[in-house]
Amino acid sequence: MHLVPAERAHRKVIDDHTVCEAIEGIGDPDRLPAWADRFALLGEPHRLSVLLAVHHAGPIAVTDLATATGLDDTTVSRILRLLRASGTVAADKDGRIVRYRLTEPLIAALLDRIAIV
């Protein structure tokens, strides 16, 4: 049980090897909150639809996103504000038009997997 932290070493274990594989699968516990935050972005259907649209068609304007997702401009803008704050999307100004693009490669990889299923 070489991967079991000292504070858990006293616990009864049925299969040492399986416990070590599970711990290895969890990885660095300090990274779990960041991953949970990424999955939270994907956990709401409207956010997910905006993210999928931006990923597959971006750079894309708010009005075009609203049309593509069936949401109103205000809802899309609110979602994009959250996604910008998280660093998941970025805005590029083209004259008076602002277009959004995905900037988070790990989210892009997850969205690619969603599209395959």
PDB file of N, CA and C in Angstrom:
ATOM      1  N   MET A   1       0.840  -1.174   0.000  1.00  0.00           N
ATOM      2  CA  MET A   1       0.000   0.000   0.000  1.00  0.00           C
ATOM      3  C   MET A   1       0.884   1.235   0.000  1.00  0.00           C
ATOM      4  N   HIS A   2       1.732   1.307  -0.937  1.00  0.00           N
ATOM      5  CA  HIS A   2       2.723   2.369  -0.995  1.00  0.00           C
ATOM      6  C   HIS A   2       2.129   3.748  -1.283  1.00  0.00           C
ATOM      7  N   LEU A   3       0.910   3.837  -1.830  1.00  0.00           N
ATOM      8  CA  LEU A   3       0.329   5.139  -2.142  1.00  0.00           C
ATOM      9  C   LEU A   3      -0.629   5.661  -1.068  1.00  0.00           C
ATOM     10  N   VAL A   4      -0.938   4.837  -0.089  1.00  0.00           N
ATOM     11  CA  VAL A   4      -1.868   5.253   0.957  1.00  0.00           C
ATOM     12  C   VAL A   4      -1.162   6.248   1.886  1.00  0.00           C
ATOM     13  N   PRO A   5      -1.761   7.429   2.054  1.00  0.00           N
ATOM     14  CA  PRO A   5      -1.156   8.411   2.965  1.00  0.00           C
ATOM     15  C   PRO A   5      -1.085   7.868   4.390  1.00  0.00           C
ATOM     16  N   ALA A   6      -0.117   8.330   5.124  1.00  0.00           N
ATOM     17  CA  ALA A   6       0.115   7.841   6.487  1.00  0.00           C
ATOM     18  C   ALA A   6      -1.128   7.970   7.363  1.00  0.00           C
ATOM     19  N   GLU A   7      -1.895   9.042   7.189  1.00  0.00           N
ATOM     20  CA  GLU A   7      -3.079   9.244   8.037  1.00  0.00           C
ATOM     21  C   GLU A   7      -4.205   8.248   7.734  1.00  0.00           C
ATOM     22  N   ARG A   8      -4.084   7.484   6.629  1.00  0.00           N
ATOM     23  CA  ARG A   8      -5.089   6.463   6.303  1.00  0.00           C
ATOM     24  C   ARG A   8      -4.530   5.051   6.385  1.00  0.00           C
ATOM     25  N   ALA A   9      -3.281   4.909   6.757  1.00  0.00           N
ATOM     26  CA  ALA A   9      -2.619   3.602   6.767  1.00  0.00           C
ATOM     27  C   ALA A   9      -3.233   2.632   7.773  1.00  0.00           C
ATOM     28  N   HIS A  10      -3.894   3.122   8.791  1.00  0.00           N
ATOM     29  CA  HIS A  10      -4.477   2.257   9.820  1.00  0.00           C
ATOM     30  C   HIS A  10      -5.794   1.614   9.374  1.00  0.00           C
ATOM     31  N   ARG A  11      -6.368   2.049   8.285  1.00  0.00           N
ATOM     32  CA  ARG A  11      -7.656   1.525   7.825  1.00  0.00           C
ATOM     33  C   ARG A  11      -7.507   0.113   7.269  1.00  0.00           C
ATOM     34  N   LYS A  12      -8.546  -0.685   7.487  1.00  0.00           N
ATOM     35  CA  LYS A  12      -8.561  -2.051   6.967  1.00  0.00           C
ATOM     36  C   LYS A  12      -8.788  -1.999   5.458  1.00  0.00           C
ATOM     37  N   VAL A  13      -7.987  -2.743   4.718  1.00  0.00           N
ATOM     38  CA  VAL A  13      -8.057  -2.772   3.261  1.00  0.00           C
ATOM     39  C   VAL A  13      -8.251  -4.210   2.811  1.00  0.00           C
ATOM     40  N   ILE A  14      -9.089  -4.403   1.815  1.00  0.00           N
ATOM     41  CA  ILE A  14      -9.324  -5.747   1.280  1.00  0.00           C
ATOM     42  C   ILE A  14      -8.308  -6.087   0.204  1.00  0.00           C
ATOM     43  N   ASP A  15      -8.031  -5.160  -0.688  1.00  0.00           N
ATOM     44  CA  ASP A  15      -7.105  -5.413  -1.793  1.00  0.00           C
ATOM     45  C   ASP A  15      -6.148  -4.227  -1.925  1.00  0.00           C
ATOM     46  N   ASP A  16      -4.933  -4.413  -1.438  1.00  0.00           N
ATOM     47  CA  ASP A  16      -3.930  -3.343  -1.445  1.00  0.00           C
ATOM     48  C   ASP A  16      -3.719  -2.752  -2.844  1.00  0.00           C
ATOM     49  N   HIS A  17      -3.599  -3.652  -3.819  1.00  0.00           N
ATOM     50  CA  HIS A  17      -3.306  -3.213  -5.179  1.00  0.00           C
ATOM     51  C   HIS A  17      -4.442  -2.317  -5.727  1.00  0.00           C
ATOM     52  N   THR A  18      -5.685  -2.696  -5.472  1.00  0.00           N
ATOM     53  CA  THR A  18      -6.830  -1.923  -5.952  1.00  0.00           C
ATOM     54  C   THR A  18      -6.876  -0.547  -5.301  1.00  0.00           C
ATOM     55  N   VAL A  19      -6.559  -0.477  -4.019  1.00  0.00           N
ATOM     56  CA  VAL A  19      -6.535   0.805  -3.318  1.00  0.00           C
ATOM     57  C   VAL A  19      -5.485   1.717  -3.944  1.00  0.00           C
ATOM     58  N   CYS A  20      -4.313   1.183  -4.222  1.00  0.00           N
ATOM     59  CA  CYS A  20      -3.253   1.993  -4.832  1.00  0.00           C
ATOM     60  C   CYS A  20      -3.655   2.458  -6.234  1.00  0.00           C
ATOM     61  N   GLU A  21      -4.322   1.588  -7.016  1.00  0.00           N
ATOM     62  CA  GLU A  21      -4.792   1.995  -8.341  1.00  0.00           C
ATOM     63  C   GLU A  21      -5.837   3.100  -8.235  1.00  0.00           C
ATOM     64  N   ALA A  22      -6.721   2.998  -7.250  1.00  0.00           N
ATOM     65  CA  ALA A  22      -7.748   4.024  -7.051  1.00  0.00           C
ATOM     66  C   ALA A  22      -7.111   5.361  -6.680  1.00  0.00           C
ATOM     67  N   ILE A  23      -6.141   5.327  -5.791  1.00  0.00           N
ATOM     68  CA  ILE A  23      -5.446   6.555  -5.387  1.00  0.00           C
ATOM     69  C   ILE A  23      -4.715   7.158  -6.579  1.00  0.00           C
ATOM     70  N   GLU A  24      -4.078   6.303  -7.364  1.00  0.00           N
ATOM     71  CA  GLU A  24      -3.379   6.787  -8.559  1.00  0.00           C
ATOM     72  C   GLU A  24      -4.370   7.405  -9.550  1.00  0.00           C
ATOM     73  N   GLY A  25      -5.554   6.799  -9.670  1.00  0.00           N
ATOM     74  CA  GLY A  25      -6.585   7.312 -10.568  1.00  0.00           C
ATOM     75  C   GLY A  25      -7.106   8.672 -10.139  1.00  0.00           C
ATOM     76  N   ILE A  26      -7.181   8.916  -8.840  1.00  0.00           N
ATOM     77  CA  ILE A  26      -7.627  10.204  -8.322  1.00  0.00           C
ATOM     78  C   ILE A  26      -6.590  11.275  -8.642  1.00  0.00           C
ATOM     79  N   GLY A  27      -5.343  10.914  -8.586  1.00  0.00           N
ATOM     80  CA  GLY A  27      -4.279  11.864  -8.890  1.00  0.00           C
ATOM     81  C   GLY A  27      -4.059  12.850  -7.756  1.00  0.00           C
ATOM     82  N   ASP A  28      -3.553  14.014  -8.119  1.00  0.00           N
ATOM     83  CA  ASP A  28      -3.237  15.051  -7.147  1.00  0.00           C
ATOM     84  C   ASP A  28      -4.529  15.645  -6.581  1.00  0.00           C
ATOM     85  N   PRO A  29      -4.810  15.444  -5.294  1.00  0.00           N
ATOM     86  CA  PRO A  29      -6.055  15.960  -4.711  1.00  0.00           C
ATOM     87  C   PRO A  29      -6.169  17.485  -4.786  1.00  0.00           C
ATOM     88  N   ASP A  30      -5.060  18.169  -4.888  1.00  0.00           N
ATOM     89  CA  ASP A  30      -5.098  19.634  -4.986  1.00  0.00           C
ATOM     90  C   ASP A  30      -5.659  20.099  -6.330  1.00  0.00           C
ATOM     91  N   ARG A  31      -5.661  19.213  -7.333  1.00  0.00           N
ATOM     92  CA  ARG A  31      -6.178  19.570  -8.657  1.00  0.00           C
ATOM     93  C   ARG A  31      -7.667  19.286  -8.800  1.00  0.00           C
ATOM     94  N   LEU A  32      -8.245  18.552  -7.849  1.00  0.00           N
ATOM     95  CA  LEU A  32      -9.653  18.178  -7.942  1.00  0.00           C
ATOM     96  C   LEU A  32     -10.607  19.380  -7.973  1.00  0.00           C
ATOM     97  N   PRO A  33     -10.413  20.411  -7.153  1.00  0.00           N
ATOM     98  CA  PRO A  33     -11.341  21.553  -7.231  1.00  0.00           C
ATOM     99  C   PRO A  33     -11.360  22.219  -8.612  1.00  0.00           C
ATOM    100  N   ALA A  34     -10.218  22.317  -9.259  1.00  0.00           N
ATOM    101  CA  ALA A  34     -10.173  22.929 -10.595  1.00  0.00           C
ATOM    102  C   ALA A  34     -10.947  22.070 -11.601  1.00  0.00           C
ATOM    103  N   TRP A  35     -10.798  20.761 -11.502  1.00  0.00           N
ATOM    104  CA  TRP A  35     -11.553  19.878 -12.389  1.00  0.00           C
ATOM    105  C   TRP A  35     -13.040  19.935 -12.088  1.00  0.00           C
ATOM    106  N   ALA A  36     -13.395  19.998 -10.820  1.00  0.00           N
ATOM    107  CA  ALA A  36     -14.816  20.108 -10.451  1.00  0.00           C
ATOM    108  C   ALA A  36     -15.403  21.395 -11.027  1.00  0.00           C
ATOM    109  N   ASP A  37     -14.636  22.478 -11.004  1.00  0.00           N
ATOM    110  CA  ASP A  37     -15.097  23.738 -11.582  1.00  0.00           C
ATOM    111  C   ASP A  37     -15.316  23.609 -13.093  1.00  0.00           C
ATOM    112  N   ARG A  38     -14.414  22.909 -13.766  1.00  0.00           N
ATOM    113  CA  ARG A  38     -14.574  22.707 -15.212  1.00  0.00           C
ATOM    114  C   ARG A  38     -15.854  21.932 -15.508  1.00  0.00           C
ATOM    115  N   PHE A  39     -16.070  20.869 -14.739  1.00  0.00           N
ATOM    116  CA  PHE A  39     -17.269  20.080 -14.970  1.00  0.00           C
ATOM    117  C   PHE A  39     -18.529  20.861 -14.603  1.00  0.00           C
ATOM    118  N   ALA A  40     -18.447  21.749 -13.635  1.00  0.00           N
ATOM    119  CA  ALA A  40     -19.600  22.581 -13.271  1.00  0.00           C
ATOM    120  C   ALA A  40     -19.997  23.474 -14.440  1.00  0.00           C
ATOM    121  N   LEU A  41     -19.023  23.958 -15.201  1.00  0.00           N
ATOM    122  CA  LEU A  41     -19.334  24.770 -16.380  1.00  0.00           C
ATOM    123  C   LEU A  41     -20.148  23.976 -17.391  1.00  0.00           C
ATOM    124  N   LEU A  42     -19.893  22.680 -17.462  1.00  0.00           N
ATOM    125  CA  LEU A  42     -20.593  21.821 -18.417  1.00  0.00           C
ATOM    126  C   LEU A  42     -21.907  21.288 -17.856  1.00  0.00           C
ATOM    127  N   GLY A  43     -22.149  21.516 -16.566  1.00  0.00           N
ATOM    128  CA  GLY A  43     -23.255  20.880 -15.868  1.00  0.00           C
ATOM    129  C   GLY A  43     -24.613  21.541 -16.035  1.00  0.00           C
ATOM    130  N   GLU A  44     -24.700  22.636 -16.737  1.00  0.00           N
ATOM    131  CA  GLU A  44     -25.984  23.321 -16.940  1.00  0.00           C
ATOM    132  C   GLU A  44     -26.267  23.312 -18.442  1.00  0.00           C
ATOM    133  N   PRO A  45     -27.452  22.859 -18.868  1.00  0.00           N
ATOM    134  CA  PRO A  45     -27.720  22.678 -20.301  1.00  0.00           C
ATOM    135  C   PRO A  45     -27.532  23.925 -21.165  1.00  0.00           C
ATOM    136  N   HIS A  46     -27.926  25.092 -20.695  1.00  0.00           N
ATOM    137  CA  HIS A  46     -27.746  26.303 -21.513  1.00  0.00           C
ATOM    138  C   HIS A  46     -26.271  26.651 -21.674  1.00  0.00           C
ATOM    139  N   ARG A  47     -25.510  26.545 -20.575  1.00  0.00           N
ATOM    140  CA  ARG A  47     -24.059  26.799 -20.676  1.00  0.00           C
ATOM    141  C   ARG A  47     -23.422  25.798 -21.616  1.00  0.00           C
ATOM    142  N   LEU A  48     -23.832  24.546 -21.488  1.00  0.00           N
ATOM    143  CA  LEU A  48     -23.270  23.505 -22.344  1.00  0.00           C
ATOM    144  C   LEU A  48     -23.581  23.785 -23.810  1.00  0.00           C
ATOM    145  N   SER A  49     -24.799  24.213 -24.111  1.00  0.00           N
ATOM    146  CA  SER A  49     -25.131  24.493 -25.512  1.00  0.00           C
ATOM    147  C   SER A  49     -24.311  25.673 -26.042  1.00  0.00           C
ATOM    148  N   VAL A  50     -24.113  26.696 -25.227  1.00  0.00           N
ATOM    149  CA  VAL A  50     -23.286  27.839 -25.641  1.00  0.00           C
ATOM    150  C   VAL A  50     -21.842  27.385 -25.862  1.00  0.00           C
ATOM    151  N   LEU A  51     -21.318  26.596 -24.935  1.00  0.00           N
ATOM    152  CA  LEU A  51     -19.943  26.109 -25.083  1.00  0.00           C
ATOM    153  C   LEU A  51     -19.778  25.253 -26.338  1.00  0.00           C
ATOM    154  N   LEU A  52     -20.718  24.366 -26.586  1.00  0.00           N
ATOM    155  CA  LEU A  52     -20.635  23.525 -27.789  1.00  0.00           C
ATOM    156  C   LEU A  52     -20.694  24.382 -29.056  1.00  0.00           C
ATOM    157  N   ALA A  53     -21.578  25.376 -29.066  1.00  0.00           N
ATOM    158  CA  ALA A  53     -21.692  26.249 -30.239  1.00  0.00           C
ATOM    159  C   ALA A  53     -20.420  27.046 -30.458  1.00  0.00           C
ATOM    160  N   VAL A  54     -19.870  27.619 -29.392  1.00  0.00           N
ATOM    161  CA  VAL A  54     -18.631  28.382 -29.510  1.00  0.00           C
ATOM    162  C   VAL A  54     -17.495  27.472 -29.971  1.00  0.00           C
ATOM    163  N   HIS A  55     -17.425  26.300 -29.408  1.00  0.00           N
ATOM    164  CA  HIS A  55     -16.349  25.370 -29.762  1.00  0.00           C
ATOM    165  C   HIS A  55     -16.409  24.970 -31.235  1.00  0.00           C
ATOM    166  N   HIS A  56     -17.592  24.677 -31.726  1.00  0.00           N
ATOM    167  CA  HIS A  56     -17.699  24.158 -33.089  1.00  0.00           C
ATOM    168  C   HIS A  56     -17.841  25.230 -34.158  1.00  0.00           C
ATOM    169  N   ALA A  57     -18.251  26.453 -33.769  1.00  0.00           N
ATOM    170  CA  ALA A  57     -18.454  27.491 -34.781  1.00  0.00           C
ATOM    171  C   ALA A  57     -17.669  28.766 -34.518  1.00  0.00           C
ATOM    172  N   GLY A  58     -17.058  28.878 -33.317  1.00  0.00           N
ATOM    173  CA  GLY A  58     -16.398  30.122 -32.943  1.00  0.00           C
ATOM    174  C   GLY A  58     -15.254  30.474 -33.852  1.00  0.00           C
ATOM    175  N   PRO A  59     -14.866  31.706 -33.854  1.00  0.00           N
ATOM    176  CA  PRO A  59     -15.417  32.844 -33.137  1.00  0.00           C
ATOM    177  C   PRO A  59     -16.828  33.173 -33.628  1.00  0.00           C
ATOM    178  N   ILE A  60     -17.697  33.504 -32.669  1.00  0.00           N
ATOM    179  CA  ILE A  60     -19.108  33.702 -32.965  1.00  0.00           C
ATOM    180  C   ILE A  60     -19.672  34.830 -32.098  1.00  0.00           C
ATOM    181  N   ALA A  61     -20.555  35.620 -32.672  1.00  0.00           N
ATOM    182  CA  ALA A  61     -21.158  36.765 -31.989  1.00  0.00           C
ATOM    183  C   ALA A  61     -22.330  36.329 -31.114  1.00  0.00           C
ATOM    184  N   VAL A  62     -22.670  37.152 -30.141  1.00  0.00           N
ATOM    185  CA  VAL A  62     -23.753  36.858 -29.191  1.00  0.00           C
ATOM    186  C   VAL A  62     -25.065  36.584 -29.923  1.00  0.00           C
ATOM    187  N   THR A  63     -25.424  37.441 -30.863  1.00  0.00           N
ATOM    188  CA  THR A  63     -26.689  37.274 -31.586  1.00  0.00           C
ATOM    189  C   THR A  63     -26.724  35.949 -32.334  1.00  0.00           C
ATOM    190  N   ASP A  64     -25.609  35.577 -32.934  1.00  0.00           N
ATOM    191  CA  ASP A  64     -25.538  34.304 -33.647  1.00  0.00           C
ATOM    192  C   ASP A  64     -25.623  33.133 -32.665  1.00  0.00           C
ATOM    193  N   LEU A  65     -24.989  33.279 -31.507  1.00  0.00           N
ATOM    194  CA  LEU A  65     -25.099  32.242 -30.470  1.00  0.00           C
ATOM    195  C   LEU A  65     -26.539  32.101 -29.982  1.00  0.00           C
ATOM    196  N   ALA A  66     -27.205  33.226 -29.808  1.00  0.00           N
ATOM    197  CA  ALA A  66     -28.601  33.193 -29.366  1.00  0.00           C
ATOM    198  C   ALA A  66     -29.465  32.462 -30.391  1.00  0.00           C
ATOM    199  N   THR A  67     -29.252  32.749 -31.655  1.00  0.00           N
ATOM    200  CA  THR A  67     -30.012  32.077 -32.713  1.00  0.00           C
ATOM    201  C   THR A  67     -29.702  30.581 -32.723  1.00  0.00           C
ATOM    202  N   ALA A  68     -28.439  30.233 -32.631  1.00  0.00           N
ATOM    203  CA  ALA A  68     -28.026  28.828 -32.688  1.00  0.00           C
ATOM    204  C   ALA A  68     -28.545  28.019 -31.496  1.00  0.00           C
ATOM    205  N   THR A  69     -28.565  28.628 -30.321  1.00  0.00           N
ATOM    206  CA  THR A  69     -28.942  27.898 -29.109  1.00  0.00           C
ATOM    207  C   THR A  69     -30.423  28.001 -28.765  1.00  0.00           C
ATOM    208  N   GLY A  70     -31.114  28.977 -29.363  1.00  0.00           N
ATOM    209  CA  GLY A  70     -32.513  29.188 -29.031  1.00  0.00           C
ATOM    210  C   GLY A  70     -32.717  29.995 -27.761  1.00  0.00           C
ATOM    211  N   LEU A  71     -31.645  30.568 -27.249  1.00  0.00           N
ATOM    212  CA  LEU A  71     -31.708  31.407 -26.049  1.00  0.00           C
ATOM    213  C   LEU A  71     -31.814  32.866 -26.471  1.00  0.00           C
ATOM    214  N   ASP A  72     -32.221  33.734 -25.546  1.00  0.00           N
ATOM    215  CA  ASP A  72     -32.246  35.155 -25.884  1.00  0.00           C
ATOM    216  C   ASP A  72     -30.854  35.756 -25.677  1.00  0.00           C
ATOM    217  N   ASP A  73     -30.638  36.909 -26.294  1.00  0.00           N
ATOM    218  CA  ASP A  73     -29.327  37.571 -26.246  1.00  0.00           C
ATOM    219  C   ASP A  73     -28.862  37.827 -24.812  1.00  0.00           C
ATOM    220  N   THR A  74     -29.792  38.220 -23.939  1.00  0.00           N
ATOM    221  CA  THR A  74     -29.439  38.529 -22.550  1.00  0.00           C
ATOM    222  C   THR A  74     -28.916  37.287 -21.834  1.00  0.00           C
ATOM    223  N   THR A  75     -29.580  36.167 -22.032  1.00  0.00           N
ATOM    224  CA  THR A  75     -29.146  34.915 -21.392  1.00  0.00           C
ATOM    225  C   THR A  75     -27.775  34.502 -21.914  1.00  0.00           C
ATOM    226  N   VAL A  76     -27.585  34.593 -23.219  1.00  0.00           N
ATOM    227  CA  VAL A  76     -26.288  34.243 -23.806  1.00  0.00           C
ATOM    228  C   VAL A  76     -25.202  35.167 -23.269  1.00  0.00           C
ATOM    229  N   SER A  77     -25.477  36.453 -23.187  1.00  0.00           N
ATOM    230  CA  SER A  77     -24.491  37.403 -22.660  1.00  0.00           C
ATOM    231  C   SER A  77     -24.121  37.073 -21.213  1.00  0.00           C
ATOM    232  N   ARG A  78     -25.109  36.722 -20.415  1.00  0.00           N
ATOM    233  CA  ARG A  78     -24.859  36.372 -19.014  1.00  0.00           C
ATOM    234  C   ARG A  78     -23.983  35.113 -18.918  1.00  0.00           C
ATOM    235  N   ILE A  79     -24.291  34.127 -19.753  1.00  0.00           N
ATOM    236  CA  ILE A  79     -23.483  32.897 -19.776  1.00  0.00           C
ATOM    237  C   ILE A  79     -22.056  33.217 -20.214  1.00  0.00           C
ATOM    238  N   LEU A  80     -21.909  34.034 -21.245  1.00  0.00           N
ATOM    239  CA  LEU A  80     -20.574  34.390 -21.737  1.00  0.00           C
ATOM    240  C   LEU A  80     -19.778  35.170 -20.696  1.00  0.00           C
ATOM    241  N   ARG A  81     -20.453  35.992 -19.920  1.00  0.00           N
ATOM    242  CA  ARG A  81     -19.766  36.734 -18.843  1.00  0.00           C
ATOM    243  C   ARG A  81     -19.165  35.752 -17.843  1.00  0.00           C
ATOM    244  N   LEU A  82     -19.933  34.729 -17.476  1.00  0.00           N
ATOM    245  CA  LEU A  82     -19.433  33.699 -16.561  1.00  0.00           C
ATOM    246  C   LEU A  82     -18.273  32.929 -17.186  1.00  0.00           C
ATOM    247  N   LEU A  83     -18.422  32.573 -18.439  1.00  0.00           N
ATOM    248  CA  LEU A  83     -17.371  31.809 -19.128  1.00  0.00           C
ATOM    249  C   LEU A  83     -16.100  32.632 -19.321  1.00  0.00           C
ATOM    250  N   ARG A  84     -16.253  33.935 -19.532  1.00  0.00           N
ATOM    251  CA  ARG A  84     -15.069  34.812 -19.620  1.00  0.00           C
ATOM    252  C   ARG A  84     -14.374  34.900 -18.266  1.00  0.00           C
ATOM    253  N   ALA A  85     -15.157  35.045 -17.204  1.00  0.00           N
ATOM    254  CA  ALA A  85     -14.584  35.154 -15.857  1.00  0.00           C
ATOM    255  C   ALA A  85     -13.821  33.894 -15.481  1.00  0.00           C
ATOM    256  N   SER A  86     -14.256  32.752 -15.985  1.00  0.00           N
ATOM    257  CA  SER A  86     -13.573  31.489 -15.677  1.00  0.00           C
ATOM    258  C   SER A  86     -12.367  31.258 -16.581  1.00  0.00           C
ATOM    259  N   GLY A  87     -12.197  32.097 -17.603  1.00  0.00           N
ATOM    260  CA  GLY A  87     -11.082  31.930 -18.532  1.00  0.00           C
ATOM    261  C   GLY A  87     -11.348  30.895 -19.609  1.00  0.00           C
ATOM    262  N   THR A  88     -12.597  30.479 -19.744  1.00  0.00           N
ATOM    263  CA  THR A  88     -12.946  29.442 -20.711  1.00  0.00           C
ATOM    264  C   THR A  88     -13.126  30.001 -22.117  1.00  0.00           C
ATOM    265  N   VAL A  89     -13.656  31.220 -22.212  1.00  0.00           N
ATOM    266  CA  VAL A  89     -13.793  31.875 -23.515  1.00  0.00           C
ATOM    267  C   VAL A  89     -13.132  33.246 -23.457  1.00  0.00           C
ATOM    268  N   ALA A  90     -12.816  33.756 -24.632  1.00  0.00           N
ATOM    269  CA  ALA A  90     -12.271  35.108 -24.755  1.00  0.00           C
ATOM    270  C   ALA A  90     -13.079  35.838 -25.815  1.00  0.00           C
ATOM    271  N   ALA A  91     -13.104  37.153 -25.692  1.00  0.00           N
ATOM    272  CA  ALA A  91     -13.830  37.991 -26.637  1.00  0.00           C
ATOM    273  C   ALA A  91     -12.837  38.735 -27.523  1.00  0.00           C
ATOM    274  N   ASP A  92     -13.126  38.746 -28.797  1.00  0.00           N
ATOM    275  CA  ASP A  92     -12.316  39.490 -29.767  1.00  0.00           C
ATOM    276  C   ASP A  92     -13.221  40.492 -30.461  1.00  0.00           C
ATOM    277  N   LYS A  93     -12.829  41.749 -30.411  1.00  0.00           N
ATOM    278  CA  LYS A  93     -13.633  42.798 -31.015  1.00  0.00           C
ATOM    279  C   LYS A  93     -13.230  42.961 -32.481  1.00  0.00           C
ATOM    280  N   ASP A  94     -14.243  42.978 -33.334  1.00  0.00           N
ATOM    281  CA  ASP A  94     -14.052  43.163 -34.775  1.00  0.00           C
ATOM    282  C   ASP A  94     -14.952  44.318 -35.187  1.00  0.00           C
ATOM    283  N   GLY A  95     -14.417  45.542 -35.105  1.00  0.00           N
ATOM    284  CA  GLY A  95     -15.240  46.732 -35.310  1.00  0.00           C
ATOM    285  C   GLY A  95     -16.223  46.844 -34.155  1.00  0.00           C
ATOM    286  N   ARG A  96     -17.510  46.838 -34.478  1.00  0.00           N
ATOM    287  CA  ARG A  96     -18.533  46.914 -33.432  1.00  0.00           C
ATOM    288  C   ARG A  96     -18.997  45.534 -32.976  1.00  0.00           C
ATOM    289  N   ILE A  97     -18.540  44.517 -33.633  1.00  0.00           N
ATOM    290  CA  ILE A  97     -18.963  43.148 -33.332  1.00  0.00           C
ATOM    291  C   ILE A  97     -17.946  42.493 -32.395  1.00  0.00           C
ATOM    292  N   VAL A  98     -18.454  41.822 -31.374  1.00  0.00           N
ATOM    293  CA  VAL A  98     -17.607  41.052 -30.457  1.00  0.00           C
ATOM    294  C   VAL A  98     -17.887  39.580 -30.720  1.00  0.00           C
ATOM    295  N   ARG A  99     -16.831  38.854 -30.989  1.00  0.00           N
ATOM    296  CA  ARG A  99     -16.959  37.418 -31.244  1.00  0.00           C
ATOM    297  C   ARG A  99     -16.232  36.654 -30.140  1.00  0.00           C
ATOM    298  N   TYR A 100     -16.814  35.526 -29.773  1.00  0.00           N
ATOM    299  CA  TYR A 100     -16.284  34.720 -28.673  1.00  0.00           C
ATOM    300  C   TYR A 100     -15.682  33.435 -29.202  1.00  0.00           C
ATOM    301  N   ARG A 101     -14.589  33.056 -28.549  1.00  0.00           N
ATOM    302  CA  ARG A 101     -13.892  31.817 -28.918  1.00  0.00           C
ATOM    303  C   ARG A 101     -13.498  31.077 -27.651  1.00  0.00           C
ATOM    304  N   LEU A 102     -13.394  29.778 -27.772  1.00  0.00           N
ATOM    305  CA  LEU A 102     -12.980  28.930 -26.653  1.00  0.00           C
ATOM    306  C   LEU A 102     -11.478  29.051 -26.463  1.00  0.00           C
ATOM    307  N   THR A 103     -11.038  29.195 -25.216  1.00  0.00           N
ATOM    308  CA  THR A 103      -9.603  29.348 -24.932  1.00  0.00           C
ATOM    309  C   THR A 103      -9.059  28.234 -24.048  1.00  0.00           C
ATOM    310  N   GLU A 104      -9.912  27.403 -23.525  1.00  0.00           N
ATOM    311  CA  GLU A 104      -9.498  26.366 -22.573  1.00  0.00           C
ATOM    312  C   GLU A 104      -9.386  25.021 -23.291  1.00  0.00           C
ATOM    313  N   PRO A 105      -8.152  24.557 -23.553  1.00  0.00           N
ATOM    314  CA  PRO A 105      -7.971  23.313 -24.299  1.00  0.00           C
ATOM    315  C   PRO A 105      -8.573  22.085 -23.608  1.00  0.00           C
ATOM    316  N   LEU A 106      -8.578  22.065 -22.296  1.00  0.00           N
ATOM    317  CA  LEU A 106      -9.141  20.907 -21.606  1.00  0.00           C
ATOM    318  C   LEU A 106     -10.657  20.850 -21.773  1.00  0.00           C
ATOM    319  N   ILE A 107     -11.309  21.995 -21.761  1.00  0.00           N
ATOM    320  CA  ILE A 107     -12.751  22.045 -22.024  1.00  0.00           C
ATOM    321  C   ILE A 107     -13.008  21.636 -23.469  1.00  0.00           C
ATOM    322  N   ALA A 108     -12.174  22.095 -24.389  1.00  0.00           N
ATOM    323  CA  ALA A 108     -12.324  21.716 -25.799  1.00  0.00           C
ATOM    324  C   ALA A 108     -12.246  20.207 -25.964  1.00  0.00           C
ATOM    325  N   ALA A 109     -11.308  19.585 -25.275  1.00  0.00           N
ATOM    326  CA  ALA A 109     -11.168  18.127 -25.355  1.00  0.00           C
ATOM    327  C   ALA A 109     -12.417  17.428 -24.812  1.00  0.00           C
ATOM    328  N   LEU A 110     -12.965  17.939 -23.715  1.00  0.00           N
ATOM    329  CA  LEU A 110     -14.191  17.357 -23.167  1.00  0.00           C
ATOM    330  C   LEU A 110     -15.365  17.546 -24.134  1.00  0.00           C
ATOM    331  N   LEU A 111     -15.459  18.721 -24.739  1.00  0.00           N
ATOM    332  CA  LEU A 111     -16.530  18.978 -25.692  1.00  0.00           C
ATOM    333  C   LEU A 111     -16.403  18.082 -26.930  1.00  0.00           C
ATOM    334  N   ASP A 112     -15.191  17.810 -27.350  1.00  0.00           N
ATOM    335  CA  ASP A 112     -14.982  16.878 -28.468  1.00  0.00           C
ATOM    336  C   ASP A 112     -15.512  15.496 -28.114  1.00  0.00           C
ATOM    337  N   ARG A 113     -15.293  15.069 -26.907  1.00  0.00           N
ATOM    338  CA  ARG A 113     -15.771  13.758 -26.456  1.00  0.00           C
ATOM    339  C   ARG A 113     -17.292  13.722 -26.386  1.00  0.00           C
ATOM    340  N   ILE A 114     -17.918  14.834 -25.983  1.00  0.00           N
ATOM    341  CA  ILE A 114     -19.375  14.906 -25.921  1.00  0.00           C
ATOM    342  C   ILE A 114     -19.952  14.747 -27.328  1.00  0.00           C
ATOM    343  N   ALA A 115     -19.337  15.392 -28.290  1.00  0.00           N
ATOM    344  CA  ALA A 115     -19.839  15.368 -29.651  1.00  0.00           C
ATOM    345  C   ALA A 115     -19.747  13.961 -30.265  1.00  0.00           C
ATOM    346  N   ILE A 116     -18.817  13.163 -29.821  1.00  0.00           N
ATOM    347  CA  ILE A 116     -18.626  11.812 -30.350  1.00  0.00           C
ATOM    348  C   ILE A 116     -19.720  10.872 -29.856  1.00  0.00           C
ATOM    349  N   VAL A 117     -20.140  11.078 -28.627  1.00  0.00           N
ATOM    350  CA  VAL A 117     -21.085  10.138 -28.002  1.00  0.00           C
ATOM    351  C   VAL A 117     -22.444  10.214 -28.605  1.00  0.00           C
TER     352      VAL A 117
END
